[in-house]
Amino acid sequence: MKVDPENKVKIVVTHSGCPLMKKGATIYLNGSLIDYRESAPVCVTALAGIYPWIMTARFGIESPAMGFDGNYRVCCPDKLVEFAISSCHPAPRF
């Protein structure tokens, strides 16, 4: 298995009870950078809370033991927003 830390990551809001993050909002990461041109606004608290799954997707790891079912499905620390996190292959260069 080749582990590549430069996969582009897609984060989609699948449910939201938060006024800051709307259902359907999508955030794209290119490596460790947010693609601001393509992304909706993102809550930094949510991003920090879901970062382990972001890194897992960034490295292209698909682990059922970590809840992978085509996406990683996780909540923000406040449990107000649910996300689907996945790798986008191949990672484009900006």
C-alpha atoms as a PDB file:
ATOM      1  CA  MET A   1       0.000   0.000   0.000  1.00  0.00           C
ATOM      2  CA  LYS A   2       1.314   3.442  -0.945  1.00  0.00           C
ATOM      3  CA  VAL A   3       0.490   6.144   1.572  1.00  0.00           C
ATOM      4  CA  ASP A   4       0.284   9.595  -0.033  1.00  0.00           C
ATOM      5  CA  PRO A   5      -0.199  12.589   2.301  1.00  0.00           C
ATOM      6  CA  GLU A   6      -1.097  14.863  -0.590  1.00  0.00           C
ATOM      7  CA  ASN A   7      -4.560  13.525  -1.460  1.00  0.00           C
ATOM      8  CA  LYS A   8      -7.160  16.213  -1.914  1.00  0.00           C
ATOM      9  CA  VAL A   9      -9.866  15.900   0.768  1.00  0.00           C
ATOM     10  CA  LYS A  10     -13.562  16.688   0.396  1.00  0.00           C
ATOM     11  CA  ILE A  11     -15.602  17.520   3.504  1.00  0.00           C
ATOM     12  CA  VAL A  12     -19.381  17.768   3.069  1.00  0.00           C
ATOM     13  CA  VAL A  13     -21.841  18.962   5.730  1.00  0.00           C
ATOM     14  CA  THR A  14     -24.500  16.229   5.797  1.00  0.00           C
ATOM     15  CA  HIS A  15     -26.526  17.572   8.732  1.00  0.00           C
ATOM     16  CA  SER A  16     -26.390  20.864  10.586  1.00  0.00           C
ATOM     17  CA  GLY A  17     -27.988  22.491  13.591  1.00  0.00           C
ATOM     18  CA  CYS A  18     -25.406  25.282  13.448  1.00  0.00           C
ATOM     19  CA  PRO A  19     -25.982  28.707  11.865  1.00  0.00           C
ATOM     20  CA  LEU A  20     -22.334  28.865  10.746  1.00  0.00           C
ATOM     21  CA  MET A  21     -22.247  25.693   8.645  1.00  0.00           C
ATOM     22  CA  LYS A  22     -25.126  24.898   6.296  1.00  0.00           C
ATOM     23  CA  LYS A  23     -26.165  21.446   5.115  1.00  0.00           C
ATOM     24  CA  GLY A  24     -24.580  20.743   1.740  1.00  0.00           C
ATOM     25  CA  ALA A  25     -21.630  23.088   2.329  1.00  0.00           C
ATOM     26  CA  THR A  26     -18.406  21.603   0.988  1.00  0.00           C
ATOM     27  CA  ILE A  27     -14.821  22.273   2.011  1.00  0.00           C
ATOM     28  CA  TYR A  28     -11.857  21.111  -0.070  1.00  0.00           C
ATOM     29  CA  LEU A  29      -8.346  20.634   1.237  1.00  0.00           C
ATOM     30  CA  ASN A  30      -5.403  20.322  -1.101  1.00  0.00           C
ATOM     31  CA  GLY A  31      -2.799  18.650   1.071  1.00  0.00           C
ATOM     32  CA  SER A  32      -2.684  20.771   4.215  1.00  0.00           C
ATOM     33  CA  LEU A  33      -4.241  23.874   2.620  1.00  0.00           C
ATOM     34  CA  ILE A  34      -7.890  24.915   2.366  1.00  0.00           C
ATOM     35  CA  ASP A  35      -8.899  25.579  -1.238  1.00  0.00           C
ATOM     36  CA  TYR A  36     -10.640  28.891  -0.545  1.00  0.00           C
ATOM     37  CA  ARG A  37     -11.811  29.337  -4.151  1.00  0.00           C
ATOM     38  CA  GLU A  38     -13.835  26.108  -4.068  1.00  0.00           C
ATOM     39  CA  SER A  39     -14.811  25.913  -0.387  1.00  0.00           C
ATOM     40  CA  ALA A  40     -17.643  27.162   1.782  1.00  0.00           C
ATOM     41  CA  PRO A  41     -16.731  28.956   5.025  1.00  0.00           C
ATOM     42  CA  VAL A  42     -15.486  26.555   7.680  1.00  0.00           C
ATOM     43  CA  CYS A  43     -15.657  26.619  11.466  1.00  0.00           C
ATOM     44  CA  VAL A  44     -12.165  26.219  12.905  1.00  0.00           C
ATOM     45  CA  THR A  45     -13.491  24.438  16.006  1.00  0.00           C
ATOM     46  CA  ALA A  46     -15.190  21.852  13.791  1.00  0.00           C
ATOM     47  CA  LEU A  47     -12.068  21.484  11.657  1.00  0.00           C
ATOM     48  CA  ALA A  48      -9.903  20.873  14.719  1.00  0.00           C
ATOM     49  CA  GLY A  49     -12.353  18.278  16.065  1.00  0.00           C
ATOM     50  CA  ILE A  50     -12.537  16.246  12.856  1.00  0.00           C
ATOM     51  CA  TYR A  51      -8.860  16.574  11.950  1.00  0.00           C
ATOM     52  CA  PRO A  52      -7.898  12.923  12.680  1.00  0.00           C
ATOM     53  CA  TRP A  53     -10.345  11.786   9.981  1.00  0.00           C
ATOM     54  CA  ILE A  54      -9.143  14.518   7.632  1.00  0.00           C
ATOM     55  CA  MET A  55      -5.584  13.211   7.982  1.00  0.00           C
ATOM     56  CA  THR A  56      -6.769   9.644   7.437  1.00  0.00           C
ATOM     57  CA  ALA A  57      -8.490  10.689   4.195  1.00  0.00           C
ATOM     58  CA  ARG A  58      -5.510  12.802   3.197  1.00  0.00           C
ATOM     59  CA  PHE A  59      -3.281   9.737   3.458  1.00  0.00           C
ATOM     60  CA  GLY A  60      -5.791   7.653   1.481  1.00  0.00           C
ATOM     61  CA  ILE A  61      -6.538   5.255   4.345  1.00  0.00           C
ATOM     62  CA  GLU A  62      -9.911   3.505   4.092  1.00  0.00           C
ATOM     63  CA  SER A  63     -10.357   1.801   7.462  1.00  0.00           C
ATOM     64  CA  PRO A  64     -13.694   0.166   8.339  1.00  0.00           C
ATOM     65  CA  ALA A  65     -12.394   0.030  11.941  1.00  0.00           C
ATOM     66  CA  MET A  66     -12.455   3.854  11.916  1.00  0.00           C
ATOM     67  CA  GLY A  67     -15.948   3.967  10.422  1.00  0.00           C
ATOM     68  CA  PHE A  68     -15.091   4.143   6.702  1.00  0.00           C
ATOM     69  CA  ASP A  69     -18.044   3.236   4.465  1.00  0.00           C
ATOM     70  CA  GLY A  70     -17.013   5.155   1.346  1.00  0.00           C
ATOM     71  CA  ASN A  71     -16.671   8.250   3.551  1.00  0.00           C
ATOM     72  CA  TYR A  72     -15.763   8.900   7.144  1.00  0.00           C
ATOM     73  CA  ARG A  73     -18.853  10.219   8.940  1.00  0.00           C
ATOM     74  CA  VAL A  74     -18.068  12.337  11.985  1.00  0.00           C
ATOM     75  CA  CYS A  75     -19.520  15.181  14.093  1.00  0.00           C
ATOM     76  CA  CYS A  76     -18.029  18.445  15.235  1.00  0.00           C
ATOM     77  CA  PRO A  77     -17.133  18.728  18.952  1.00  0.00           C
ATOM     78  CA  ASP A  78     -20.448  20.494  19.666  1.00  0.00           C
ATOM     79  CA  LYS A  79     -22.362  17.637  17.974  1.00  0.00           C
ATOM     80  CA  LEU A  80     -24.268  20.188  15.887  1.00  0.00           C
ATOM     81  CA  VAL A  81     -22.736  19.393  12.496  1.00  0.00           C
ATOM     82  CA  GLU A  82     -22.183  16.035  10.813  1.00  0.00           C
ATOM     83  CA  PHE A  83     -19.631  15.643   8.045  1.00  0.00           C
ATOM     84  CA  ALA A  84     -18.771  13.124   5.331  1.00  0.00           C
ATOM     85  CA  ILE A  85     -15.012  13.135   4.706  1.00  0.00           C
ATOM     86  CA  SER A  86     -13.365  11.468   1.712  1.00  0.00           C
ATOM     87  CA  SER A  87     -10.254  11.537  -0.460  1.00  0.00           C
ATOM     88  CA  CYS A  88     -10.437  12.931  -3.963  1.00  0.00           C
ATOM     89  CA  HIS A  89      -8.112  11.041  -6.316  1.00  0.00           C
ATOM     90  CA  PRO A  90      -5.825  12.234  -7.758  1.00  0.00           C
ATOM     91  CA  ALA A  91      -4.992  15.429  -5.914  1.00  0.00           C
ATOM     92  CA  PRO A  92      -4.919  18.381  -8.319  1.00  0.00           C
ATOM     93  CA  ARG A  93      -2.115  20.930  -7.979  1.00  0.00           C
ATOM     94  CA  PHE A  94      -3.123  24.581  -7.522  1.00  0.00           C
END
